[in-house]
Amino acid sequence: MADLVLNAEKREKLGGSTALQLRAKGRVPGIVYGHGEPSIPFHVKELDLRPLIYTHETHTVSLNLGGATTRCILREVQFHPVTDRVSHVDFIVLHAGEKIKLEVPVKLVGTAAGAKDGGIVDFVMHKLTIEVLPDEIPQSIDIDISGLKIAQSVHVRDLVANANYNVIGDQNSVIVQVIPPKAAEETVADGAAVITEPEQIKAKGKKEEEA
C-alpha cells in the first residue's frame, strides 16, 4: 500500500481560540502520537484531508512535519456538530514490526442471489477491527456475497483466515445478511395493518417472551 503524503505545520499555540482561527483559514488542528513518544500538535489544510477521510479504503500516511517525515495512520476524526466539517484529526505513529489495532472498511463484492429473489441485503458491519503489521494493512476487507441466499448471513467467524492480520471481536457478530421480503399486510378488525416480520425476527421475539 502506497502512503498518502500529507504536509503539515506544527502548532506553536494551543487552545480553543487558536483552533477557531485555524479553522477560519481552512486549516484543521490535529495531533500525532505514538508509544513512548511525545505528542506533536499540528495543523493541516482541510482540503488535503479529503482523500484520506472521504474514502472507503484504509491508507497509511507520510506526515511531513517540521522537516521530518513520520509514517502514521489516521486514528480518529472529529466533525463539527452543525456544519459537519472536519474539526480535529488524530494520527498514530507506525513502527515496523509492531502490530497495531485499527478499523478497516468492509467492501461487499457481487450481487446477493437472495436480492434477485426479492430479499433485502442488510449491511450490518461496515468496519472490522483487525490486528496487523503496518506493511500488511489492507485497504479493505472484501466479502463476496454473490452466493448469499434469502435468510442467509455472513458472520465474523465465516471469514476466510488471512495470514496477514487477525480480525478482533465477537466471532458471532453478523456482518451482512439477506432479510426475507416482508409478508403481505394482514388486515385487522380495526382497519389497521400489521406488517408480518421476517421469521428470524419473530423467533427471537418469541424466545424473549418465553424468557
N, C-alpha and C. Protein backbone atom coordinates (compact mmCIF):
# COMPACT_ATOMS: atom_id res chain seq x y z
N MET A 1 0.84 -1.19 0.00
CA MET A 1 0.00 0.00 0.00
C MET A 1 0.89 1.25 0.00
N ALA A 2 0.66 2.14 -0.95
CA ALA A 2 1.44 3.37 -1.02
C ALA A 2 0.92 4.38 -0.01
N ASP A 3 1.86 5.09 0.62
CA ASP A 3 1.48 6.10 1.60
C ASP A 3 0.94 7.35 0.91
N LEU A 4 -0.06 7.98 1.54
CA LEU A 4 -0.50 9.29 1.11
C LEU A 4 0.37 10.33 1.78
N VAL A 5 0.87 11.30 1.01
CA VAL A 5 1.73 12.34 1.56
C VAL A 5 0.86 13.49 2.07
N LEU A 6 1.11 13.90 3.32
CA LEU A 6 0.34 14.97 3.94
C LEU A 6 1.32 15.99 4.55
N ASN A 7 1.26 17.21 4.06
CA ASN A 7 2.13 18.27 4.56
C ASN A 7 1.43 19.02 5.69
N ALA A 8 2.12 19.15 6.82
CA ALA A 8 1.52 19.78 8.00
C ALA A 8 2.52 20.77 8.61
N GLU A 9 2.00 21.61 9.49
CA GLU A 9 2.83 22.57 10.22
C GLU A 9 2.56 22.42 11.73
N LYS A 10 3.63 22.58 12.50
CA LYS A 10 3.48 22.46 13.95
C LYS A 10 2.62 23.60 14.49
N ARG A 11 1.85 23.27 15.52
CA ARG A 11 1.05 24.30 16.21
C ARG A 11 1.89 24.83 17.38
N GLU A 12 2.22 26.09 17.30
CA GLU A 12 3.00 26.70 18.36
C GLU A 12 2.11 27.14 19.52
N LYS A 13 0.87 27.49 19.21
CA LYS A 13 -0.07 27.92 20.23
C LYS A 13 -1.25 26.95 20.27
N LEU A 14 -1.67 26.62 21.47
CA LEU A 14 -2.79 25.71 21.65
C LEU A 14 -3.97 26.46 22.25
N GLY A 15 -5.12 25.81 22.28
CA GLY A 15 -6.29 26.44 22.88
C GLY A 15 -7.43 26.57 21.88
N GLY A 16 -8.63 26.77 22.44
CA GLY A 16 -9.82 26.84 21.61
C GLY A 16 -9.83 28.01 20.64
N SER A 17 -9.37 29.18 21.09
CA SER A 17 -9.39 30.35 20.22
C SER A 17 -8.44 30.18 19.04
N THR A 18 -7.28 29.57 19.29
CA THR A 18 -6.32 29.33 18.21
C THR A 18 -6.89 28.34 17.21
N ALA A 19 -7.56 27.32 17.72
CA ALA A 19 -8.17 26.32 16.84
C ALA A 19 -9.23 26.95 15.95
N LEU A 20 -10.01 27.86 16.51
CA LEU A 20 -11.03 28.56 15.73
C LEU A 20 -10.41 29.40 14.63
N GLN A 21 -9.32 30.05 14.93
CA GLN A 21 -8.63 30.87 13.93
C GLN A 21 -8.10 30.01 12.79
N LEU A 22 -7.57 28.84 13.15
CA LEU A 22 -7.05 27.93 12.13
C LEU A 22 -8.17 27.45 11.21
N ARG A 23 -9.30 27.06 11.80
CA ARG A 23 -10.41 26.56 11.00
C ARG A 23 -10.96 27.65 10.09
N ALA A 24 -10.93 28.90 10.56
CA ALA A 24 -11.41 30.01 9.73
C ALA A 24 -10.52 30.20 8.51
N LYS A 25 -9.27 29.75 8.59
CA LYS A 25 -8.33 29.86 7.47
C LYS A 25 -8.30 28.59 6.62
N GLY A 26 -9.22 27.66 6.89
CA GLY A 26 -9.25 26.42 6.13
C GLY A 26 -8.24 25.39 6.59
N ARG A 27 -7.77 25.54 7.84
CA ARG A 27 -6.82 24.59 8.41
C ARG A 27 -7.52 23.74 9.48
N VAL A 28 -7.04 22.53 9.68
CA VAL A 28 -7.62 21.63 10.69
C VAL A 28 -6.54 21.29 11.72
N PRO A 29 -6.80 21.55 13.00
CA PRO A 29 -5.84 21.16 14.03
C PRO A 29 -5.82 19.64 14.21
N GLY A 30 -4.66 19.14 14.58
CA GLY A 30 -4.54 17.71 14.79
C GLY A 30 -3.40 17.39 15.74
N ILE A 31 -3.20 16.13 15.98
CA ILE A 31 -2.12 15.68 16.85
C ILE A 31 -1.64 14.31 16.38
N VAL A 32 -0.34 14.07 16.52
CA VAL A 32 0.22 12.77 16.18
C VAL A 32 0.97 12.26 17.41
N TYR A 33 0.80 10.98 17.72
CA TYR A 33 1.40 10.42 18.92
C TYR A 33 1.76 8.95 18.67
N GLY A 34 2.60 8.43 19.55
CA GLY A 34 3.00 7.03 19.43
C GLY A 34 3.47 6.50 20.77
N HIS A 35 3.82 5.23 20.81
CA HIS A 35 4.25 4.61 22.06
C HIS A 35 5.60 5.18 22.50
N GLY A 36 5.63 5.76 23.70
CA GLY A 36 6.88 6.27 24.23
C GLY A 36 7.39 7.50 23.53
N GLU A 37 6.56 8.16 22.74
CA GLU A 37 6.98 9.34 22.00
C GLU A 37 6.11 10.54 22.41
N PRO A 38 6.70 11.73 22.39
CA PRO A 38 5.91 12.91 22.75
C PRO A 38 4.86 13.22 21.69
N SER A 39 3.71 13.69 22.12
CA SER A 39 2.66 14.08 21.18
C SER A 39 3.04 15.40 20.52
N ILE A 40 2.76 15.49 19.23
CA ILE A 40 3.09 16.70 18.48
C ILE A 40 1.82 17.29 17.88
N PRO A 41 1.40 18.48 18.33
CA PRO A 41 0.23 19.13 17.73
C PRO A 41 0.61 19.80 16.41
N PHE A 42 -0.30 19.75 15.46
CA PHE A 42 -0.03 20.33 14.15
C PHE A 42 -1.33 20.84 13.54
N HIS A 43 -1.22 21.46 12.38
CA HIS A 43 -2.41 21.82 11.62
C HIS A 43 -2.14 21.55 10.14
N VAL A 44 -3.19 21.26 9.41
CA VAL A 44 -3.07 20.84 8.02
C VAL A 44 -4.23 21.41 7.22
N LYS A 45 -4.05 21.55 5.92
CA LYS A 45 -5.13 22.04 5.07
C LYS A 45 -6.32 21.10 5.10
N GLU A 46 -7.50 21.65 5.25
CA GLU A 46 -8.70 20.83 5.28
C GLU A 46 -8.88 20.07 3.97
N LEU A 47 -8.60 20.72 2.85
CA LEU A 47 -8.76 20.07 1.54
C LEU A 47 -7.82 18.88 1.38
N ASP A 48 -6.64 18.94 2.00
CA ASP A 48 -5.67 17.84 1.87
C ASP A 48 -6.12 16.58 2.60
N LEU A 49 -7.08 16.73 3.52
CA LEU A 49 -7.56 15.58 4.29
C LEU A 49 -8.64 14.78 3.56
N ARG A 50 -9.24 15.37 2.55
CA ARG A 50 -10.37 14.72 1.89
C ARG A 50 -10.05 13.34 1.32
N PRO A 51 -8.92 13.17 0.62
CA PRO A 51 -8.63 11.83 0.08
C PRO A 51 -8.42 10.79 1.16
N LEU A 52 -8.15 11.24 2.38
CA LEU A 52 -7.88 10.34 3.49
C LEU A 52 -9.15 10.00 4.27
N ILE A 53 -10.05 10.98 4.37
CA ILE A 53 -11.25 10.81 5.19
C ILE A 53 -12.44 10.32 4.38
N TYR A 54 -12.67 10.93 3.23
CA TYR A 54 -13.85 10.58 2.44
C TYR A 54 -13.51 9.47 1.45
N THR A 55 -13.25 8.30 1.99
CA THR A 55 -12.88 7.15 1.18
C THR A 55 -13.38 5.88 1.85
N HIS A 56 -13.51 4.82 1.08
CA HIS A 56 -13.93 3.53 1.61
C HIS A 56 -12.72 2.61 1.79
N GLU A 57 -11.52 3.18 1.76
CA GLU A 57 -10.31 2.39 1.89
C GLU A 57 -9.44 2.94 3.01
N THR A 58 -8.57 2.08 3.53
CA THR A 58 -7.64 2.48 4.57
C THR A 58 -6.31 2.87 3.93
N HIS A 59 -5.73 3.97 4.39
CA HIS A 59 -4.45 4.44 3.85
C HIS A 59 -3.48 4.76 4.97
N THR A 60 -2.21 4.43 4.75
CA THR A 60 -1.17 4.90 5.64
C THR A 60 -0.71 6.27 5.12
N VAL A 61 -0.08 7.05 6.01
CA VAL A 61 0.24 8.43 5.70
C VAL A 61 1.71 8.73 5.97
N SER A 62 2.33 9.47 5.05
CA SER A 62 3.64 10.05 5.29
C SER A 62 3.42 11.50 5.69
N LEU A 63 3.54 11.77 6.98
CA LEU A 63 3.25 13.10 7.50
C LEU A 63 4.53 13.92 7.53
N ASN A 64 4.59 14.94 6.66
CA ASN A 64 5.74 15.84 6.62
C ASN A 64 5.51 16.95 7.64
N LEU A 65 6.35 16.93 8.67
CA LEU A 65 6.13 17.86 9.78
C LEU A 65 7.46 18.32 10.36
N GLY A 66 7.70 19.62 10.31
CA GLY A 66 8.92 20.18 10.89
C GLY A 66 10.19 19.66 10.27
N GLY A 67 10.18 19.40 8.97
CA GLY A 67 11.38 18.93 8.28
C GLY A 67 11.61 17.44 8.39
N ALA A 68 10.73 16.74 9.08
CA ALA A 68 10.86 15.28 9.23
C ALA A 68 9.58 14.60 8.73
N THR A 69 9.75 13.39 8.26
CA THR A 69 8.60 12.62 7.76
C THR A 69 8.32 11.47 8.72
N THR A 70 7.07 11.39 9.12
CA THR A 70 6.64 10.33 10.05
C THR A 70 5.57 9.49 9.39
N ARG A 71 5.78 8.18 9.43
CA ARG A 71 4.77 7.28 8.88
C ARG A 71 3.72 7.02 9.95
N CYS A 72 2.47 7.24 9.62
CA CYS A 72 1.41 7.12 10.61
C CYS A 72 0.09 6.72 9.94
N ILE A 73 -0.93 6.63 10.75
CA ILE A 73 -2.25 6.27 10.23
C ILE A 73 -3.31 7.06 10.99
N LEU A 74 -4.37 7.39 10.30
CA LEU A 74 -5.45 8.16 10.91
C LEU A 74 -6.15 7.31 11.96
N ARG A 75 -6.26 7.83 13.17
CA ARG A 75 -6.88 7.08 14.26
C ARG A 75 -8.29 7.61 14.56
N GLU A 76 -8.48 8.93 14.51
CA GLU A 76 -9.80 9.48 14.85
C GLU A 76 -10.03 10.79 14.11
N VAL A 77 -11.29 10.99 13.71
CA VAL A 77 -11.70 12.23 13.06
C VAL A 77 -12.89 12.79 13.82
N GLN A 78 -12.83 14.09 14.11
CA GLN A 78 -13.95 14.76 14.77
C GLN A 78 -14.58 15.74 13.78
N PHE A 79 -15.91 15.80 13.79
CA PHE A 79 -16.65 16.67 12.89
C PHE A 79 -17.44 17.70 13.69
N HIS A 80 -17.61 18.88 13.09
CA HIS A 80 -18.41 19.91 13.73
C HIS A 80 -19.86 19.45 13.76
N PRO A 81 -20.55 19.56 14.90
CA PRO A 81 -21.92 19.05 15.01
C PRO A 81 -22.95 19.74 14.12
N VAL A 82 -22.64 20.95 13.67
CA VAL A 82 -23.60 21.70 12.85
C VAL A 82 -23.20 21.70 11.38
N THR A 83 -21.96 22.09 11.10
CA THR A 83 -21.52 22.20 9.70
C THR A 83 -21.05 20.87 9.12
N ASP A 84 -20.72 19.90 9.99
CA ASP A 84 -20.22 18.59 9.58
C ASP A 84 -18.83 18.68 8.93
N ARG A 85 -18.16 19.81 9.10
CA ARG A 85 -16.79 19.93 8.60
C ARG A 85 -15.83 19.28 9.59
N VAL A 86 -14.67 18.87 9.08
CA VAL A 86 -13.67 18.24 9.94
C VAL A 86 -13.14 19.28 10.92
N SER A 87 -13.16 18.95 12.21
CA SER A 87 -12.72 19.91 13.22
C SER A 87 -11.42 19.50 13.91
N HIS A 88 -11.08 18.19 13.87
CA HIS A 88 -9.84 17.73 14.50
C HIS A 88 -9.50 16.33 14.00
N VAL A 89 -8.20 16.04 13.92
CA VAL A 89 -7.75 14.71 13.50
C VAL A 89 -6.65 14.20 14.43
N ASP A 90 -6.67 12.90 14.66
CA ASP A 90 -5.63 12.24 15.46
C ASP A 90 -4.92 11.22 14.58
N PHE A 91 -3.58 11.21 14.65
CA PHE A 91 -2.79 10.22 13.95
C PHE A 91 -1.94 9.45 14.94
N ILE A 92 -1.69 8.18 14.65
CA ILE A 92 -0.82 7.38 15.49
C ILE A 92 0.38 6.92 14.67
N VAL A 93 1.56 7.00 15.28
CA VAL A 93 2.80 6.65 14.59
C VAL A 93 2.88 5.14 14.37
N LEU A 94 3.36 4.76 13.20
CA LEU A 94 3.54 3.35 12.87
C LEU A 94 5.01 2.97 13.01
N HIS A 95 5.27 1.80 13.59
CA HIS A 95 6.64 1.29 13.73
C HIS A 95 6.73 -0.07 13.05
N ALA A 96 7.76 -0.24 12.24
CA ALA A 96 7.95 -1.52 11.55
C ALA A 96 8.10 -2.64 12.57
N GLY A 97 7.37 -3.72 12.34
CA GLY A 97 7.44 -4.88 13.23
C GLY A 97 6.55 -4.80 14.44
N GLU A 98 5.83 -3.69 14.61
CA GLU A 98 4.93 -3.53 15.75
C GLU A 98 3.48 -3.54 15.27
N LYS A 99 2.73 -4.52 15.72
CA LYS A 99 1.34 -4.63 15.30
C LYS A 99 0.48 -3.55 15.95
N ILE A 100 -0.53 -3.13 15.22
CA ILE A 100 -1.47 -2.15 15.75
C ILE A 100 -2.89 -2.67 15.54
N LYS A 101 -3.81 -2.11 16.30
CA LYS A 101 -5.23 -2.42 16.13
C LYS A 101 -5.90 -1.24 15.46
N LEU A 102 -6.66 -1.49 14.44
CA LEU A 102 -7.37 -0.42 13.74
C LEU A 102 -8.59 -0.96 13.04
N GLU A 103 -9.48 -0.05 12.67
CA GLU A 103 -10.68 -0.43 11.94
C GLU A 103 -10.42 -0.33 10.44
N VAL A 104 -10.90 -1.35 9.73
CA VAL A 104 -10.75 -1.40 8.27
C VAL A 104 -12.13 -1.55 7.66
N PRO A 105 -12.43 -0.79 6.60
CA PRO A 105 -13.76 -0.89 5.99
C PRO A 105 -14.02 -2.24 5.34
N VAL A 106 -15.27 -2.66 5.37
CA VAL A 106 -15.70 -3.89 4.70
C VAL A 106 -16.29 -3.51 3.34
N LYS A 107 -15.93 -4.25 2.32
CA LYS A 107 -16.42 -4.00 0.97
C LYS A 107 -17.17 -5.23 0.47
N LEU A 108 -18.44 -5.05 0.11
CA LEU A 108 -19.24 -6.16 -0.42
C LEU A 108 -19.00 -6.28 -1.92
N VAL A 109 -18.76 -7.52 -2.35
CA VAL A 109 -18.48 -7.78 -3.76
C VAL A 109 -19.58 -8.65 -4.35
N GLY A 110 -20.10 -8.25 -5.50
CA GLY A 110 -21.13 -9.02 -6.18
C GLY A 110 -22.53 -8.67 -5.71
N THR A 111 -23.51 -9.30 -6.34
CA THR A 111 -24.92 -9.11 -6.01
C THR A 111 -25.46 -10.39 -5.39
N ALA A 112 -26.03 -10.27 -4.20
CA ALA A 112 -26.53 -11.45 -3.49
C ALA A 112 -27.62 -12.15 -4.29
N ALA A 113 -27.56 -13.49 -4.33
CA ALA A 113 -28.58 -14.28 -5.02
C ALA A 113 -29.95 -14.01 -4.41
N GLY A 114 -29.99 -13.83 -3.09
CA GLY A 114 -31.26 -13.59 -2.42
C GLY A 114 -31.88 -12.26 -2.80
N ALA A 115 -31.05 -11.28 -3.15
CA ALA A 115 -31.57 -9.97 -3.57
C ALA A 115 -32.32 -10.09 -4.88
N LYS A 116 -31.86 -11.00 -5.73
CA LYS A 116 -32.53 -11.21 -7.01
C LYS A 116 -33.90 -11.88 -6.82
N ASP A 117 -34.06 -12.53 -5.66
CA ASP A 117 -35.33 -13.20 -5.36
C ASP A 117 -36.24 -12.34 -4.48
N GLY A 118 -35.87 -11.09 -4.32
CA GLY A 118 -36.71 -10.18 -3.56
C GLY A 118 -36.25 -9.90 -2.14
N GLY A 119 -35.17 -10.54 -1.72
CA GLY A 119 -34.65 -10.30 -0.38
C GLY A 119 -33.96 -8.95 -0.27
N ILE A 120 -33.73 -8.51 0.96
CA ILE A 120 -33.11 -7.22 1.21
C ILE A 120 -31.74 -7.45 1.85
N VAL A 121 -30.70 -6.89 1.23
CA VAL A 121 -29.35 -7.02 1.78
C VAL A 121 -29.19 -6.05 2.95
N ASP A 122 -28.92 -6.59 4.12
CA ASP A 122 -28.74 -5.78 5.33
C ASP A 122 -27.25 -5.77 5.68
N PHE A 123 -26.60 -4.65 5.37
CA PHE A 123 -25.16 -4.48 5.60
C PHE A 123 -25.00 -3.98 7.04
N VAL A 124 -24.67 -4.88 7.95
CA VAL A 124 -24.68 -4.58 9.38
C VAL A 124 -23.38 -3.94 9.85
N MET A 125 -22.26 -4.56 9.53
CA MET A 125 -20.95 -4.08 10.00
C MET A 125 -20.15 -3.53 8.82
N HIS A 126 -20.01 -2.22 8.79
CA HIS A 126 -19.28 -1.58 7.69
C HIS A 126 -17.77 -1.55 7.94
N LYS A 127 -17.36 -1.81 9.19
CA LYS A 127 -15.94 -1.83 9.52
C LYS A 127 -15.66 -2.99 10.47
N LEU A 128 -14.43 -3.51 10.37
CA LEU A 128 -13.98 -4.57 11.27
C LEU A 128 -12.67 -4.14 11.92
N THR A 129 -12.48 -4.53 13.17
CA THR A 129 -11.24 -4.23 13.87
C THR A 129 -10.26 -5.38 13.66
N ILE A 130 -9.04 -5.04 13.24
CA ILE A 130 -8.04 -6.07 12.99
C ILE A 130 -6.75 -5.71 13.73
N GLU A 131 -5.92 -6.72 13.92
CA GLU A 131 -4.56 -6.53 14.45
C GLU A 131 -3.60 -6.89 13.33
N VAL A 132 -2.70 -5.97 12.99
CA VAL A 132 -1.91 -6.15 11.78
C VAL A 132 -0.61 -5.36 11.86
N LEU A 133 0.38 -5.82 11.10
CA LEU A 133 1.62 -5.06 10.96
C LEU A 133 1.40 -3.91 9.99
N PRO A 134 2.12 -2.80 10.16
CA PRO A 134 1.91 -1.63 9.30
C PRO A 134 2.00 -1.92 7.80
N ASP A 135 2.94 -2.77 7.41
CA ASP A 135 3.13 -3.05 5.99
C ASP A 135 2.10 -4.02 5.42
N GLU A 136 1.25 -4.57 6.28
CA GLU A 136 0.26 -5.55 5.84
C GLU A 136 -1.17 -5.03 5.95
N ILE A 137 -1.33 -3.73 6.23
CA ILE A 137 -2.67 -3.17 6.40
C ILE A 137 -3.44 -3.24 5.08
N PRO A 138 -4.59 -3.91 5.05
CA PRO A 138 -5.37 -3.98 3.80
C PRO A 138 -6.19 -2.70 3.62
N GLN A 139 -6.42 -2.32 2.37
CA GLN A 139 -7.25 -1.14 2.11
C GLN A 139 -8.69 -1.40 2.50
N SER A 140 -9.12 -2.65 2.37
CA SER A 140 -10.47 -3.04 2.76
C SER A 140 -10.51 -4.56 2.91
N ILE A 141 -11.56 -5.04 3.56
CA ILE A 141 -11.79 -6.48 3.65
C ILE A 141 -12.96 -6.81 2.73
N ASP A 142 -12.68 -7.50 1.65
CA ASP A 142 -13.69 -7.79 0.63
C ASP A 142 -14.44 -9.08 0.96
N ILE A 143 -15.76 -9.02 0.85
CA ILE A 143 -16.61 -10.19 1.10
C ILE A 143 -17.49 -10.43 -0.12
N ASP A 144 -17.36 -11.60 -0.71
CA ASP A 144 -18.17 -11.97 -1.87
C ASP A 144 -19.54 -12.45 -1.39
N ILE A 145 -20.58 -11.72 -1.75
CA ILE A 145 -21.93 -12.09 -1.29
C ILE A 145 -22.78 -12.65 -2.43
N SER A 146 -22.17 -12.94 -3.56
CA SER A 146 -22.95 -13.40 -4.72
C SER A 146 -23.71 -14.70 -4.45
N GLY A 147 -23.21 -15.53 -3.54
CA GLY A 147 -23.90 -16.80 -3.25
C GLY A 147 -24.83 -16.72 -2.06
N LEU A 148 -25.01 -15.53 -1.51
CA LEU A 148 -25.83 -15.37 -0.30
C LEU A 148 -27.31 -15.40 -0.66
N LYS A 149 -28.05 -16.37 -0.10
CA LYS A 149 -29.47 -16.52 -0.39
C LYS A 149 -30.32 -15.89 0.72
N ILE A 150 -31.62 -15.87 0.49
CA ILE A 150 -32.55 -15.31 1.47
C ILE A 150 -32.42 -16.07 2.80
N ALA A 151 -32.38 -15.31 3.90
CA ALA A 151 -32.26 -15.83 5.26
C ALA A 151 -30.86 -16.35 5.59
N GLN A 152 -29.90 -16.12 4.69
CA GLN A 152 -28.53 -16.49 4.98
C GLN A 152 -27.74 -15.25 5.40
N SER A 153 -26.64 -15.48 6.11
CA SER A 153 -25.84 -14.38 6.60
C SER A 153 -24.36 -14.75 6.64
N VAL A 154 -23.53 -13.73 6.76
CA VAL A 154 -22.08 -13.93 6.91
C VAL A 154 -21.69 -13.37 8.27
N HIS A 155 -21.10 -14.22 9.10
CA HIS A 155 -20.63 -13.81 10.43
C HIS A 155 -19.13 -13.59 10.39
N VAL A 156 -18.61 -12.99 11.44
CA VAL A 156 -17.17 -12.79 11.54
C VAL A 156 -16.45 -14.13 11.46
N ARG A 157 -17.02 -15.14 12.07
CA ARG A 157 -16.39 -16.47 12.08
C ARG A 157 -16.33 -17.10 10.69
N ASP A 158 -17.13 -16.60 9.75
CA ASP A 158 -17.18 -17.18 8.41
C ASP A 158 -16.09 -16.64 7.49
N LEU A 159 -15.40 -15.60 7.93
CA LEU A 159 -14.36 -15.00 7.09
C LEU A 159 -13.20 -15.98 6.90
N VAL A 160 -12.67 -15.96 5.70
CA VAL A 160 -11.52 -16.82 5.40
C VAL A 160 -10.31 -16.30 6.17
N ALA A 161 -9.61 -17.19 6.84
CA ALA A 161 -8.44 -16.80 7.63
C ALA A 161 -7.41 -16.13 6.74
N ASN A 162 -6.84 -15.05 7.23
CA ASN A 162 -5.84 -14.31 6.47
C ASN A 162 -4.52 -14.33 7.25
N ALA A 163 -3.46 -14.66 6.55
CA ALA A 163 -2.16 -14.79 7.21
C ALA A 163 -1.58 -13.44 7.64
N ASN A 164 -2.10 -12.36 7.06
CA ASN A 164 -1.51 -11.04 7.32
C ASN A 164 -2.13 -10.31 8.50
N TYR A 165 -3.34 -10.69 8.91
CA TYR A 165 -3.99 -9.98 10.00
C TYR A 165 -4.99 -10.89 10.72
N ASN A 166 -5.37 -10.47 11.94
CA ASN A 166 -6.37 -11.18 12.73
C ASN A 166 -7.55 -10.26 12.96
N VAL A 167 -8.75 -10.77 12.73
CA VAL A 167 -9.95 -10.00 12.99
C VAL A 167 -10.30 -10.14 14.47
N ILE A 168 -10.49 -8.99 15.12
CA ILE A 168 -10.77 -8.97 16.56
C ILE A 168 -12.24 -8.63 16.79
N GLY A 169 -12.84 -9.29 17.76
CA GLY A 169 -14.23 -9.00 18.08
C GLY A 169 -15.05 -10.27 18.23
N ASP A 170 -16.34 -10.10 18.43
CA ASP A 170 -17.26 -11.21 18.61
C ASP A 170 -17.37 -12.01 17.32
N GLN A 171 -16.97 -13.26 17.38
CA GLN A 171 -16.97 -14.11 16.19
C GLN A 171 -18.40 -14.41 15.71
N ASN A 172 -19.39 -14.21 16.57
CA ASN A 172 -20.77 -14.48 16.19
C ASN A 172 -21.49 -13.26 15.61
N SER A 173 -20.79 -12.13 15.53
CA SER A 173 -21.41 -10.91 15.00
C SER A 173 -21.72 -11.07 13.52
N VAL A 174 -22.89 -10.58 13.12
CA VAL A 174 -23.31 -10.64 11.72
C VAL A 174 -22.73 -9.45 10.97
N ILE A 175 -22.08 -9.73 9.85
CA ILE A 175 -21.53 -8.67 9.00
C ILE A 175 -22.55 -8.24 7.96
N VAL A 176 -23.14 -9.21 7.29
CA VAL A 176 -24.14 -8.92 6.27
C VAL A 176 -25.12 -10.08 6.20
N GLN A 177 -26.37 -9.79 5.90
CA GLN A 177 -27.39 -10.82 5.80
C GLN A 177 -28.42 -10.42 4.75
N VAL A 178 -29.14 -11.42 4.28
CA VAL A 178 -30.23 -11.17 3.34
C VAL A 178 -31.53 -11.44 4.06
N ILE A 179 -32.31 -10.39 4.28
CA ILE A 179 -33.56 -10.50 5.01
C ILE A 179 -34.69 -10.89 4.06
N PRO A 180 -35.54 -11.82 4.47
CA PRO A 180 -36.68 -12.19 3.63
C PRO A 180 -37.58 -10.99 3.37
N PRO A 181 -38.25 -10.93 2.21
CA PRO A 181 -39.17 -9.82 1.94
C PRO A 181 -40.32 -9.84 2.93
N LYS A 182 -40.83 -8.69 3.24
CA LYS A 182 -41.94 -8.60 4.18
C LYS A 182 -43.17 -9.30 3.63
N ALA A 183 -43.85 -10.01 4.49
CA ALA A 183 -45.06 -10.71 4.08
C ALA A 183 -46.17 -9.69 3.81
N ALA A 184 -47.19 -10.16 3.16
CA ALA A 184 -48.31 -9.26 2.84
C ALA A 184 -48.93 -8.72 4.11
N GLU A 185 -49.45 -7.53 4.03
CA GLU A 185 -50.09 -6.90 5.20
C GLU A 185 -51.37 -7.66 5.55
N GLU A 186 -51.54 -7.83 6.85
CA GLU A 186 -52.72 -8.52 7.33
C GLU A 186 -53.71 -7.49 7.88
N THR A 187 -54.88 -7.51 7.34
CA THR A 187 -55.90 -6.57 7.78
C THR A 187 -56.54 -7.03 9.08
N VAL A 188 -56.63 -6.14 10.05
CA VAL A 188 -57.23 -6.49 11.33
C VAL A 188 -58.58 -5.80 11.46
N ALA A 189 -59.28 -6.16 12.51
CA ALA A 189 -60.66 -5.71 12.66
C ALA A 189 -60.81 -4.20 12.69
N ASP A 190 -59.84 -3.49 13.28
CA ASP A 190 -59.98 -2.04 13.39
C ASP A 190 -59.54 -1.29 12.14
N GLY A 191 -59.20 -2.05 11.12
CA GLY A 191 -58.84 -1.42 9.86
C GLY A 191 -57.36 -1.09 9.75
N ALA A 192 -56.60 -1.27 10.85
CA ALA A 192 -55.16 -1.02 10.79
C ALA A 192 -54.48 -2.17 10.09
N ALA A 193 -53.21 -1.99 9.79
CA ALA A 193 -52.47 -3.04 9.11
C ALA A 193 -51.29 -3.44 9.96
N VAL A 194 -51.01 -4.74 9.98
CA VAL A 194 -49.87 -5.26 10.74
C VAL A 194 -48.90 -5.86 9.75
N ILE A 195 -47.64 -5.45 9.83
CA ILE A 195 -46.62 -5.99 8.95
C ILE A 195 -46.02 -7.23 9.60
N THR A 196 -46.09 -8.34 8.92
CA THR A 196 -45.51 -9.57 9.45
C THR A 196 -44.00 -9.49 9.34
N GLU A 197 -43.29 -9.71 10.42
CA GLU A 197 -41.85 -9.59 10.42
C GLU A 197 -41.22 -10.86 9.87
N PRO A 198 -39.94 -10.77 9.44
CA PRO A 198 -39.24 -11.96 8.97
C PRO A 198 -39.22 -13.04 10.05
N GLU A 199 -39.16 -14.28 9.62
CA GLU A 199 -39.26 -15.41 10.54
C GLU A 199 -38.19 -15.37 11.61
N GLN A 200 -36.94 -14.95 11.23
CA GLN A 200 -35.86 -14.93 12.22
C GLN A 200 -36.17 -13.95 13.32
N ILE A 201 -36.75 -12.81 12.99
CA ILE A 201 -37.07 -11.80 13.98
C ILE A 201 -38.19 -12.28 14.88
N LYS A 202 -39.21 -12.95 14.30
CA LYS A 202 -40.32 -13.47 15.08
C LYS A 202 -39.83 -14.50 16.09
N ALA A 203 -38.90 -15.37 15.63
CA ALA A 203 -38.40 -16.41 16.50
C ALA A 203 -37.66 -15.81 17.69
N LYS A 204 -36.91 -14.74 17.43
CA LYS A 204 -36.16 -14.07 18.50
C LYS A 204 -37.12 -13.49 19.52
N GLY A 205 -38.18 -12.83 19.01
CA GLY A 205 -39.14 -12.22 19.91
C GLY A 205 -39.85 -13.25 20.76
N LYS A 206 -40.13 -14.40 20.18
CA LYS A 206 -40.82 -15.47 20.91
C LYS A 206 -39.97 -15.96 22.06
N LYS A 207 -38.66 -16.12 21.79
CA LYS A 207 -37.75 -16.57 22.84
C LYS A 207 -37.68 -15.58 23.98
N GLU A 208 -37.68 -14.28 23.62
CA GLU A 208 -37.61 -13.25 24.66
C GLU A 208 -38.84 -13.29 25.54
N GLU A 209 -40.04 -13.55 24.93
CA GLU A 209 -41.28 -13.61 25.71
C GLU A 209 -41.27 -14.81 26.64
N GLU A 210 -40.76 -15.95 26.12
CA GLU A 210 -40.71 -17.14 26.93
C GLU A 210 -39.74 -16.97 28.10
N ALA A 211 -38.65 -16.18 27.83
CA ALA A 211 -37.67 -15.94 28.90
C ALA A 211 -38.27 -15.09 30.00
